[in-house]
Amino acid sequence: MDVKQQVLEAMKAAGEPLNAGRLVEMTGLDRKDVDKAMAELKKSGEIVSPKRCYWQPS
């Protein structure tokens, strides 16, 4: 499973908006990898932000 998919799955499993720091804790991935995956997910519209710095699947 690639990093993007891991981040998206963690977001779905949480059931609430998450910030990057929480995703790093949940997945055990490197912060740079999580930030890069989130940027790609934002660009493709797969995640949305209900409030500043928190993201959830769209």
N, C-alpha and C. Protein backbone atom coordinates (compact mmCIF):
# COMPACT_ATOMS: atom_id res chain seq x y z
N MET A 1 0.85 -1.18 0.00
CA MET A 1 0.00 0.00 0.00
C MET A 1 0.90 1.25 0.00
N ASP A 2 0.61 2.19 -0.87
CA ASP A 2 1.44 3.38 -0.91
C ASP A 2 1.06 4.36 0.20
N VAL A 3 1.88 5.37 0.39
CA VAL A 3 1.70 6.32 1.49
C VAL A 3 0.36 7.04 1.38
N LYS A 4 0.02 7.47 0.16
CA LYS A 4 -1.25 8.17 -0.04
C LYS A 4 -2.43 7.32 0.42
N GLN A 5 -2.40 6.07 0.07
CA GLN A 5 -3.49 5.15 0.44
C GLN A 5 -3.52 4.94 1.95
N GLN A 6 -2.36 4.82 2.57
CA GLN A 6 -2.29 4.65 4.02
C GLN A 6 -2.89 5.85 4.75
N VAL A 7 -2.55 7.05 4.27
CA VAL A 7 -3.07 8.27 4.88
C VAL A 7 -4.59 8.33 4.73
N LEU A 8 -5.08 8.03 3.55
CA LEU A 8 -6.52 8.07 3.30
C LEU A 8 -7.25 7.03 4.16
N GLU A 9 -6.70 5.84 4.26
CA GLU A 9 -7.32 4.79 5.09
C GLU A 9 -7.34 5.18 6.56
N ALA A 10 -6.27 5.81 7.05
CA ALA A 10 -6.22 6.25 8.44
C ALA A 10 -7.29 7.31 8.69
N MET A 11 -7.48 8.20 7.74
CA MET A 11 -8.52 9.23 7.87
C MET A 11 -9.91 8.61 7.93
N LYS A 12 -10.14 7.64 7.07
CA LYS A 12 -11.45 6.97 7.06
C LYS A 12 -11.68 6.22 8.36
N ALA A 13 -10.65 5.56 8.87
CA ALA A 13 -10.76 4.78 10.10
C ALA A 13 -11.02 5.67 11.32
N ALA A 14 -10.45 6.88 11.31
CA ALA A 14 -10.60 7.79 12.45
C ALA A 14 -12.03 8.29 12.59
N GLY A 15 -12.68 8.54 11.47
CA GLY A 15 -14.05 9.01 11.51
C GLY A 15 -14.20 10.45 11.97
N GLU A 16 -13.10 11.18 12.01
CA GLU A 16 -13.14 12.59 12.38
C GLU A 16 -12.01 13.31 11.65
N PRO A 17 -12.10 14.63 11.51
CA PRO A 17 -11.02 15.37 10.86
C PRO A 17 -9.71 15.24 11.63
N LEU A 18 -8.61 15.09 10.91
CA LEU A 18 -7.30 14.91 11.53
C LEU A 18 -6.30 15.93 10.99
N ASN A 19 -5.29 16.24 11.80
CA ASN A 19 -4.19 17.06 11.30
C ASN A 19 -3.01 16.14 10.96
N ALA A 20 -2.00 16.69 10.35
CA ALA A 20 -0.87 15.87 9.90
C ALA A 20 -0.15 15.19 11.06
N GLY A 21 -0.02 15.89 12.18
CA GLY A 21 0.66 15.30 13.33
C GLY A 21 -0.05 14.04 13.83
N ARG A 22 -1.35 14.08 13.88
CA ARG A 22 -2.13 12.91 14.33
C ARG A 22 -1.99 11.76 13.33
N LEU A 23 -1.95 12.09 12.04
CA LEU A 23 -1.77 11.04 11.02
C LEU A 23 -0.41 10.38 11.15
N VAL A 24 0.62 11.15 11.48
CA VAL A 24 1.96 10.59 11.68
C VAL A 24 1.91 9.59 12.85
N GLU A 25 1.23 9.97 13.94
CA GLU A 25 1.10 9.08 15.10
C GLU A 25 0.36 7.80 14.73
N MET A 26 -0.73 7.93 13.98
CA MET A 26 -1.56 6.77 13.65
C MET A 26 -0.89 5.81 12.68
N THR A 27 -0.16 6.35 11.70
CA THR A 27 0.40 5.51 10.65
C THR A 27 1.84 5.10 10.90
N GLY A 28 2.57 5.87 11.71
CA GLY A 28 3.98 5.58 11.93
C GLY A 28 4.86 5.99 10.77
N LEU A 29 4.29 6.76 9.85
CA LEU A 29 5.04 7.23 8.68
C LEU A 29 5.84 8.48 9.03
N ASP A 30 6.80 8.82 8.19
CA ASP A 30 7.58 10.03 8.34
C ASP A 30 6.72 11.26 8.04
N ARG A 31 6.93 12.35 8.76
CA ARG A 31 6.11 13.56 8.59
C ARG A 31 6.20 14.09 7.15
N LYS A 32 7.38 14.07 6.55
CA LYS A 32 7.52 14.56 5.18
C LYS A 32 6.68 13.74 4.21
N ASP A 33 6.63 12.43 4.41
CA ASP A 33 5.84 11.56 3.55
C ASP A 33 4.34 11.84 3.71
N VAL A 34 3.92 12.07 4.96
CA VAL A 34 2.51 12.36 5.21
C VAL A 34 2.13 13.70 4.58
N ASP A 35 2.98 14.72 4.74
CA ASP A 35 2.71 16.03 4.16
C ASP A 35 2.61 15.95 2.64
N LYS A 36 3.50 15.19 2.02
CA LYS A 36 3.49 15.05 0.57
C LYS A 36 2.22 14.33 0.10
N ALA A 37 1.85 13.26 0.80
CA ALA A 37 0.65 12.51 0.45
C ALA A 37 -0.60 13.39 0.60
N MET A 38 -0.64 14.18 1.68
CA MET A 38 -1.79 15.06 1.90
C MET A 38 -1.88 16.12 0.80
N ALA A 39 -0.75 16.65 0.37
CA ALA A 39 -0.76 17.64 -0.71
C ALA A 39 -1.33 17.04 -1.99
N GLU A 40 -0.96 15.80 -2.29
CA GLU A 40 -1.47 15.13 -3.48
C GLU A 40 -2.97 14.84 -3.34
N LEU A 41 -3.39 14.43 -2.15
CA LEU A 41 -4.81 14.15 -1.91
C LEU A 41 -5.65 15.42 -1.99
N LYS A 42 -5.11 16.53 -1.50
CA LYS A 42 -5.81 17.83 -1.59
C LYS A 42 -5.99 18.22 -3.05
N LYS A 43 -4.90 18.09 -3.81
CA LYS A 43 -4.92 18.50 -5.21
C LYS A 43 -5.93 17.69 -6.02
N SER A 44 -6.05 16.40 -5.70
CA SER A 44 -6.97 15.53 -6.44
C SER A 44 -8.40 15.62 -5.90
N GLY A 45 -8.58 16.34 -4.78
CA GLY A 45 -9.91 16.51 -4.21
C GLY A 45 -10.40 15.34 -3.39
N GLU A 46 -9.50 14.44 -3.00
CA GLU A 46 -9.90 13.27 -2.22
C GLU A 46 -10.08 13.59 -0.74
N ILE A 47 -9.47 14.70 -0.28
CA ILE A 47 -9.69 15.14 1.10
C ILE A 47 -10.11 16.60 1.09
N VAL A 48 -10.88 16.98 2.11
CA VAL A 48 -11.34 18.36 2.26
C VAL A 48 -11.09 18.82 3.69
N SER A 49 -11.07 20.13 3.88
CA SER A 49 -10.80 20.70 5.20
C SER A 49 -12.06 21.33 5.79
N PRO A 50 -12.63 20.71 6.83
CA PRO A 50 -13.80 21.30 7.48
C PRO A 50 -13.43 22.47 8.39
N LYS A 51 -12.18 22.48 8.89
CA LYS A 51 -11.66 23.60 9.67
C LYS A 51 -10.16 23.68 9.46
N ARG A 52 -9.60 24.80 9.77
CA ARG A 52 -8.20 25.06 9.47
C ARG A 52 -7.27 23.98 10.02
N CYS A 53 -6.40 23.47 9.14
CA CYS A 53 -5.36 22.48 9.47
C CYS A 53 -5.90 21.08 9.78
N TYR A 54 -7.16 20.84 9.60
CA TYR A 54 -7.73 19.52 9.81
C TYR A 54 -8.35 19.03 8.51
N TRP A 55 -8.18 17.76 8.22
CA TRP A 55 -8.61 17.21 6.94
C TRP A 55 -9.39 15.92 7.14
N GLN A 56 -10.29 15.65 6.19
CA GLN A 56 -11.08 14.43 6.20
C GLN A 56 -11.35 14.02 4.77
N PRO A 57 -11.69 12.74 4.54
CA PRO A 57 -12.01 12.30 3.17
C PRO A 57 -13.23 13.06 2.64
N SER A 58 -13.22 13.36 1.37
CA SER A 58 -14.35 14.11 0.78
C SER A 58 -15.51 13.18 0.45
